[in-house]
C-alpha atoms as a PDB file:
ATOM      1  CA  MET A   1       0.056   0.040   0.156  1.00  0.00           C
ATOM      2  CA  ARG A   2       1.493   3.363  -1.051  1.00  0.00           C
ATOM      3  CA  LYS A   3       1.986   5.940   1.936  1.00  0.00           C
ATOM      4  CA  PRO A   4       0.002   9.157   1.573  1.00  0.00           C
ATOM      5  CA  PHE A   5       1.999  12.083   0.083  1.00  0.00           C
ATOM      6  CA  ARG A   6       2.349  14.004   3.325  1.00  0.00           C
ATOM      7  CA  VAL A   7       3.560  10.898   5.264  1.00  0.00           C
ATOM      8  CA  ALA A   8       6.115  10.281   2.521  1.00  0.00           C
ATOM      9  CA  GLN A   9       7.150  14.016   2.638  1.00  0.00           C
ATOM     10  CA  PHE A  10       7.696  13.947   6.252  1.00  0.00           C
ATOM     11  CA  GLU A  11       9.711  10.825   6.182  1.00  0.00           C
ATOM     12  CA  SER A  12      11.861  12.192   3.312  1.00  0.00           C
ATOM     13  CA  ARG A  13      12.613  15.519   5.175  1.00  0.00           C
ATOM     14  CA  GLU A  14      13.256  13.613   8.294  1.00  0.00           C
ATOM     15  CA  GLU A  15      15.787  11.340   6.510  1.00  0.00           C
ATOM     16  CA  ALA A  16      17.508  14.611   4.926  1.00  0.00           C
ATOM     17  CA  ILE A  17      17.575  16.189   8.207  1.00  0.00           C
ATOM     18  CA  ILE A  18      19.279  13.084   9.676  1.00  0.00           C
ATOM     19  CA  GLU A  19      21.764  12.982   6.541  1.00  0.00           C
ATOM     20  CA  ALA A  20      22.611  16.546   6.972  1.00  0.00           C
ATOM     21  CA  THR A  21      23.254  15.967  10.833  1.00  0.00           C
ATOM     22  CA  ASN A  22      25.408  13.158   9.999  1.00  0.00           C
ATOM     23  CA  ARG A  23      27.552  15.348   7.650  1.00  0.00           C
ATOM     24  CA  LEU A  24      27.866  18.202  10.177  1.00  0.00           C
ATOM     25  CA  LEU A  25      28.804  15.686  13.118  1.00  0.00           C
ATOM     26  CA  ALA A  26      31.424  14.158  10.721  1.00  0.00           C
ATOM     27  CA  THR A  27      33.080  17.651   9.768  1.00  0.00           C
ATOM     28  CA  ARG A  28      32.192  20.001  12.750  1.00  0.00           C
ATOM     29  CA  GLY A  29      31.635  17.705  15.818  1.00  0.00           C
ATOM     30  CA  TYR A  30      28.916  17.705  18.113  1.00  0.00           C
ATOM     31  CA  GLU A  31      30.108  20.665  20.222  1.00  0.00           C
ATOM     32  CA  LEU A  32      30.367  22.990  17.253  1.00  0.00           C
ATOM     33  CA  MET A  33      27.288  21.896  15.625  1.00  0.00           C
ATOM     34  CA  SER A  34      24.003  23.721  16.270  1.00  0.00           C
ATOM     35  CA  MET A  35      20.349  23.434  15.274  1.00  0.00           C
ATOM     36  CA  ASP A  36      20.583  26.550  13.079  1.00  0.00           C
ATOM     37  CA  ASP A  37      23.496  24.863  11.199  1.00  0.00           C
ATOM     38  CA  ILE A  38      21.336  21.803  10.579  1.00  0.00           C
ATOM     39  CA  ALA A  39      18.394  23.621   9.534  1.00  0.00           C
ATOM     40  CA  ALA A  40      20.557  25.747   7.030  1.00  0.00           C
ATOM     41  CA  GLU A  41      22.003  22.978   5.625  1.00  0.00           C
ATOM     42  CA  VAL A  42      18.838  20.993   4.872  1.00  0.00           C
ATOM     43  CA  GLY A  43      17.236  24.291   3.599  1.00  0.00           C
ATOM     44  CA  ILE A  44      14.225  24.573   6.099  1.00  0.00           C
ATOM     45  CA  ALA A  45      13.333  26.865   9.055  1.00  0.00           C
ATOM     46  CA  LYS A  46      14.495  25.882  12.438  1.00  0.00           C
ATOM     47  CA  GLY A  47      10.806  25.677  13.749  1.00  0.00           C
ATOM     48  CA  SER A  48      10.297  22.884  10.735  1.00  0.00           C
ATOM     49  CA  LEU A  49      13.395  20.984  12.234  1.00  0.00           C
ATOM     50  CA  TYR A  50      11.678  20.913  15.678  1.00  0.00           C
ATOM     51  CA  LYS A  51       8.575  19.353  14.420  1.00  0.00           C
ATOM     52  CA  HIS A  52      10.789  16.401  13.520  1.00  0.00           C
ATOM     53  CA  PHE A  53      13.394  16.402  16.356  1.00  0.00           C
ATOM     54  CA  GLU A  54      13.203  18.077  19.893  1.00  0.00           C
ATOM     55  CA  SER A  55      16.770  18.755  20.449  1.00  0.00           C
ATOM     56  CA  LYS A  56      20.488  18.454  19.328  1.00  0.00           C
ATOM     57  CA  GLU A  57      20.660  15.414  21.447  1.00  0.00           C
ATOM     58  CA  ALA A  58      17.755  13.869  19.631  1.00  0.00           C
ATOM     59  CA  LEU A  59      19.287  14.407  16.429  1.00  0.00           C
ATOM     60  CA  ALA A  60      22.637  13.058  17.406  1.00  0.00           C
ATOM     61  CA  GLY A  61      20.891   9.798  18.775  1.00  0.00           C
ATOM     62  CA  ALA A  62      18.865   9.407  15.686  1.00  0.00           C
ATOM     63  CA  VAL A  63      22.134   9.624  13.659  1.00  0.00           C
ATOM     64  CA  MET A  64      23.794   6.936  15.841  1.00  0.00           C
ATOM     65  CA  VAL A  65      20.779   4.659  15.842  1.00  0.00           C
ATOM     66  CA  ARG A  66      21.024   4.730  11.958  1.00  0.00           C
ATOM     67  CA  LEU A  67      24.795   4.096  11.969  1.00  0.00           C
ATOM     68  CA  LEU A  68      24.447   1.353  14.274  1.00  0.00           C
ATOM     69  CA  ARG A  69      21.702  -0.514  12.226  1.00  0.00           C
ATOM     70  CA  ARG A  70      23.720   0.158   9.080  1.00  0.00           C
ATOM     71  CA  THR A  71      26.903  -1.396  10.850  1.00  0.00           C
ATOM     72  CA  ARG A  72      24.757  -4.333  12.130  1.00  0.00           C
ATOM     73  CA  LEU A  73      23.394  -4.852   8.324  1.00  0.00           C
ATOM     74  CA  ALA A  74      27.017  -4.658   7.283  1.00  0.00           C
ATOM     75  CA  LEU A  75      27.964  -7.553   9.401  1.00  0.00           C
ATOM     76  CA  GLU A  76      24.887  -9.482   8.488  1.00  0.00           C
ATOM     77  CA  ALA A  77      25.810  -9.106   4.681  1.00  0.00           C
ATOM     78  CA  GLN A  78      29.073 -10.621   5.116  1.00  0.00           C
ATOM     79  CA  PRO A  79      29.693 -13.860   3.370  1.00  0.00           C
ATOM     80  CA  ALA A  80      28.860 -16.969   5.462  1.00  0.00           C
ATOM     81  CA  HIS A  81      32.076 -18.842   4.899  1.00  0.00           C
ATOM     82  CA  LEU A  82      34.118 -16.309   6.544  1.00  0.00           C
ATOM     83  CA  ASP A  83      35.826 -17.436   9.741  1.00  0.00           C
ATOM     84  CA  ALA A  84      35.098 -15.244  12.816  1.00  0.00           C
ATOM     85  CA  ARG A  85      38.214 -13.289  12.845  1.00  0.00           C
ATOM     86  CA  ALA A  86      37.674 -12.661   9.235  1.00  0.00           C
ATOM     87  CA  HIS A  87      34.506 -11.324   9.968  1.00  0.00           C
ATOM     88  CA  LEU A  88      35.830  -8.864  12.456  1.00  0.00           C
ATOM     89  CA  GLU A  89      38.337  -7.636  10.161  1.00  0.00           C
ATOM     90  CA  ALA A  90      35.720  -7.133   7.549  1.00  0.00           C
ATOM     91  CA  LEU A  91      33.641  -5.270   9.822  1.00  0.00           C
ATOM     92  CA  LEU A  92      36.665  -3.038  10.845  1.00  0.00           C
ATOM     93  CA  ARG A  93      37.410  -2.398   7.309  1.00  0.00           C
ATOM     94  CA  TRP A  94      33.698  -1.425   6.670  1.00  0.00           C
ATOM     95  CA  THR A  95      33.714   1.075   9.530  1.00  0.00           C
ATOM     96  CA  LEU A  96      37.160   2.722   8.731  1.00  0.00           C
ATOM     97  CA  ARG A  97      36.015   3.081   5.129  1.00  0.00           C
ATOM     98  CA  GLU A  98      32.882   4.585   6.183  1.00  0.00           C
ATOM     99  CA  ARG A  99      34.638   7.294   8.342  1.00  0.00           C
ATOM    100  CA  LEU A 100      36.741   7.975   5.434  1.00  0.00           C
ATOM    101  CA  ALA A 101      33.783   8.696   3.355  1.00  0.00           C
ATOM    102  CA  GLY A 102      32.462  10.986   6.040  1.00  0.00           C
ATOM    103  CA  GLY A 103      29.615   8.457   7.080  1.00  0.00           C
ATOM    104  CA  VAL A 104      30.697   8.376  10.615  1.00  0.00           C
ATOM    105  CA  PRO A 105      30.120  11.358  13.075  1.00  0.00           C
ATOM    106  CA  HIS A 106      32.622  12.238  15.721  1.00  0.00           C
ATOM    107  CA  LEU A 107      30.543  12.231  19.073  1.00  0.00           C
ATOM    108  CA  PRO A 108      32.721  13.307  21.941  1.00  0.00           C
ATOM    109  CA  SER A 109      32.363  11.257  24.936  1.00  0.00           C
ATOM    110  CA  ALA A 110      32.971  14.510  27.128  1.00  0.00           C
ATOM    111  CA  SER A 111      29.511  15.661  26.561  1.00  0.00           C
ATOM    112  CA  GLN A 112      27.440  14.437  29.547  1.00  0.00           C
ATOM    113  CA  SER A 113      23.881  15.546  28.108  1.00  0.00           C
ATOM    114  CA  LEU A 114      24.704  13.400  24.885  1.00  0.00           C
ATOM    115  CA  ARG A 115      25.760  10.501  26.908  1.00  0.00           C
ATOM    116  CA  ASP A 116      22.580  10.746  29.260  1.00  0.00           C
ATOM    117  CA  SER A 117      20.465  11.253  26.073  1.00  0.00           C
ATOM    118  CA  LEU A 118      21.962   8.158  24.309  1.00  0.00           C
ATOM    119  CA  LEU A 119      21.593   5.989  27.285  1.00  0.00           C
ATOM    120  CA  ALA A 120      17.990   6.949  27.587  1.00  0.00           C
ATOM    121  CA  ASN A 121      17.409   6.197  23.853  1.00  0.00           C
ATOM    122  CA  HIS A 122      15.695   2.699  23.754  1.00  0.00           C
ATOM    123  CA  ASP A 123      16.431   2.491  20.143  1.00  0.00           C
ATOM    124  CA  TYR A 124      20.183   3.221  20.541  1.00  0.00           C
ATOM    125  CA  MET A 125      20.625   0.917  23.231  1.00  0.00           C
ATOM    126  CA  ASP A 126      18.867  -1.913  21.697  1.00  0.00           C
ATOM    127  CA  GLU A 127      20.930  -1.665  18.437  1.00  0.00           C
ATOM    128  CA  LEU A 128      24.087  -0.949  20.527  1.00  0.00           C
ATOM    129  CA  MET A 129      23.526  -4.087  22.521  1.00  0.00           C
ATOM    130  CA  THR A 130      22.453  -6.279  19.644  1.00  0.00           C
ATOM    131  CA  LEU A 131      25.713  -5.141  17.792  1.00  0.00           C
ATOM    132  CA  SER A 132      27.875  -5.824  20.911  1.00  0.00           C
ATOM    133  CA  GLU A 133      26.462  -9.319  21.326  1.00  0.00           C
ATOM    134  CA  SER A 134      27.026 -10.207  17.566  1.00  0.00           C
ATOM    135  CA  ILE A 135      30.597  -8.828  17.712  1.00  0.00           C
ATOM    136  CA  GLY A 136      31.086 -10.491  21.036  1.00  0.00           C
ATOM    137  CA  THR A 137      29.968 -14.033  19.758  1.00  0.00           C
ATOM    138  CA  LEU A 138      32.557 -13.412  16.934  1.00  0.00           C
ATOM    139  CA  ILE A 139      35.296 -12.583  19.383  1.00  0.00           C
ATOM    140  CA  GLN A 140      34.311 -15.824  21.509  1.00  0.00           C
ATOM    141  CA  LYS A 141      34.469 -17.977  18.263  1.00  0.00           C
ATOM    142  CA  ALA A 142      37.755 -16.371  17.061  1.00  0.00           C
ATOM    143  CA  LYS A 143      39.514 -16.873  20.354  1.00  0.00           C
ATOM    144  CA  ALA A 144      38.016 -20.678  20.318  1.00  0.00           C
ATOM    145  CA  ASP A 145      39.727 -20.841  16.774  1.00  0.00           C
ATOM    146  CA  GLY A 146      42.820 -19.362  17.449  1.00  0.00           C
ATOM    147  CA  GLY A 147      42.297 -16.277  15.587  1.00  0.00           C
ATOM    148  CA  LEU A 148      42.642 -14.042  18.559  1.00  0.00           C
ATOM    149  CA  ARG A 149      44.693 -14.512  21.740  1.00  0.00           C
ATOM    150  CA  ALA A 150      42.638 -16.589  24.222  1.00  0.00           C
ATOM    151  CA  ASP A 151      44.418 -14.647  27.331  1.00  0.00           C
ATOM    152  CA  LEU A 152      42.749 -11.339  26.528  1.00  0.00           C
ATOM    153  CA  ARG A 153      39.030 -10.803  28.058  1.00  0.00           C
ATOM    154  CA  ASP A 154      36.412 -10.348  25.505  1.00  0.00           C
ATOM    155  CA  GLU A 155      35.373  -7.114  26.872  1.00  0.00           C
ATOM    156  CA  PHE A 156      38.914  -5.779  26.241  1.00  0.00           C
ATOM    157  CA  VAL A 157      38.589  -7.056  22.690  1.00  0.00           C
ATOM    158  CA  LEU A 158      35.262  -5.600  22.183  1.00  0.00           C
ATOM    159  CA  TYR A 159      36.274  -2.280  23.462  1.00  0.00           C
ATOM    160  CA  THR A 160      39.363  -2.281  21.531  1.00  0.00           C
ATOM    161  CA  PHE A 161      37.536  -2.931  18.380  1.00  0.00           C
ATOM    162  CA  TYR A 162      35.096  -0.035  19.088  1.00  0.00           C
ATOM    163  CA  ALA A 163      38.374   2.230  19.791  1.00  0.00           C
ATOM    164  CA  ARG A 164      39.848   1.250  16.396  1.00  0.00           C
ATOM    165  CA  SER A 165      36.748   2.151  14.736  1.00  0.00           C
ATOM    166  CA  CYS A 166      36.947   5.496  15.989  1.00  0.00           C
ATOM    167  CA  ASP A 167      40.560   6.054  16.216  1.00  0.00           C
ATOM    168  CA  PRO A 168      41.986   9.548  15.441  1.00  0.00           C
ATOM    169  CA  THR A 169      44.995   7.856  13.600  1.00  0.00           C
ATOM    170  CA  LEU A 170      42.797   7.608  10.642  1.00  0.00           C
ATOM    171  CA  ASP A 171      42.115  11.339  10.658  1.00  0.00           C
ATOM    172  CA  PHE A 172      45.770  12.318  10.966  1.00  0.00           C
ATOM    173  CA  LEU A 173      46.822   9.898   8.336  1.00  0.00           C
ATOM    174  CA  LYS A 174      44.163  11.109   5.949  1.00  0.00           C
ATOM    175  CA  ALA A 175      44.971  14.880   6.608  1.00  0.00           C
ATOM    176  CA  ALA A 176      48.685  13.991   5.729  1.00  0.00           C
ATOM    177  CA  GLY A 177      47.878  12.928   2.372  1.00  0.00           C
ATOM    178  CA  SER A 178      50.805  10.406   1.960  1.00  0.00           C
ATOM    179  CA  MET A 179      48.627   7.251   1.984  1.00  0.00           C
ATOM    180  CA  SER A 180      45.813   6.237  -0.036  1.00  0.00           C
ATOM    181  CA  ASP A 181      42.447   5.263   1.903  1.00  0.00           C
ATOM    182  CA  ASP A 182      42.944   1.554   0.915  1.00  0.00           C
ATOM    183  CA  GLU A 183      46.748   2.013   2.579  1.00  0.00           C
ATOM    184  CA  ILE A 184      45.043   3.660   5.478  1.00  0.00           C
ATOM    185  CA  VAL A 185      42.425   0.907   6.152  1.00  0.00           C
ATOM    186  CA  ASP A 186      44.952  -1.955   5.583  1.00  0.00           C
ATOM    187  CA  GLN A 187      47.572  -0.799   7.721  1.00  0.00           C
ATOM    188  CA  MET A 188      45.104   0.038  10.462  1.00  0.00           C
ATOM    189  CA  VAL A 189      43.454  -3.350  10.243  1.00  0.00           C
ATOM    190  CA  SER A 190      46.794  -5.292  10.145  1.00  0.00           C
ATOM    191  CA  ALA A 191      48.124  -3.414  13.351  1.00  0.00           C
ATOM    192  CA  CYS A 192      44.843  -4.045  15.215  1.00  0.00           C
ATOM    193  CA  PHE A 193      44.991  -7.744  14.521  1.00  0.00           C
ATOM    194  CA  ARG A 194      48.680  -8.396  14.034  1.00  0.00           C
ATOM    195  CA  GLY A 195      50.042  -5.865  16.155  1.00  0.00           C
ATOM    196  CA  LEU A 196      53.378  -3.734  15.623  1.00  0.00           C
ATOM    197  CA  ALA A 197      56.069  -6.156  16.608  1.00  0.00           C
ATOM    198  CA  GLY A 198      58.216  -7.599  13.973  1.00  0.00           C
END
């Protein structure tokens, strides 16, 4: 059944708002982004923006929910024949490529209001827990298969994986311009999974 025009228009505008917010978060960061900036980026009045999202925190939450869903779908779309470590490496590659393409926002952990808002966002928490459980299962399998060190605790490996996903090293290497995007991704994934030792 076809959606009514007004509903389709509302949803289309909401997607444009989320996309604009994602771009601004990726380029300016959460602290420097304002609701005025978002409205200007979309080309709508600030009042119209508030019909969709009540605050900057709500908008950042919507962006993060979308990112977590896309990450989960990217993981689910990987070939079934890959072993657990290869799944983890492929997901890290996908995440780093998304960052290089401007698809991953910079959200500082220093913002207490944003942290509180995300923790209260049920969609965000559900997606985060689902993704974390999937990655956690892969970590356990990779350790059992000998693909990851068995002496490392699962939560340490999980947080290390998330940290590599938002590692500022990528930004420094991109800004330096001496390496291609492919080289940056290859080096970062290699260092994460194989270390720096000779």
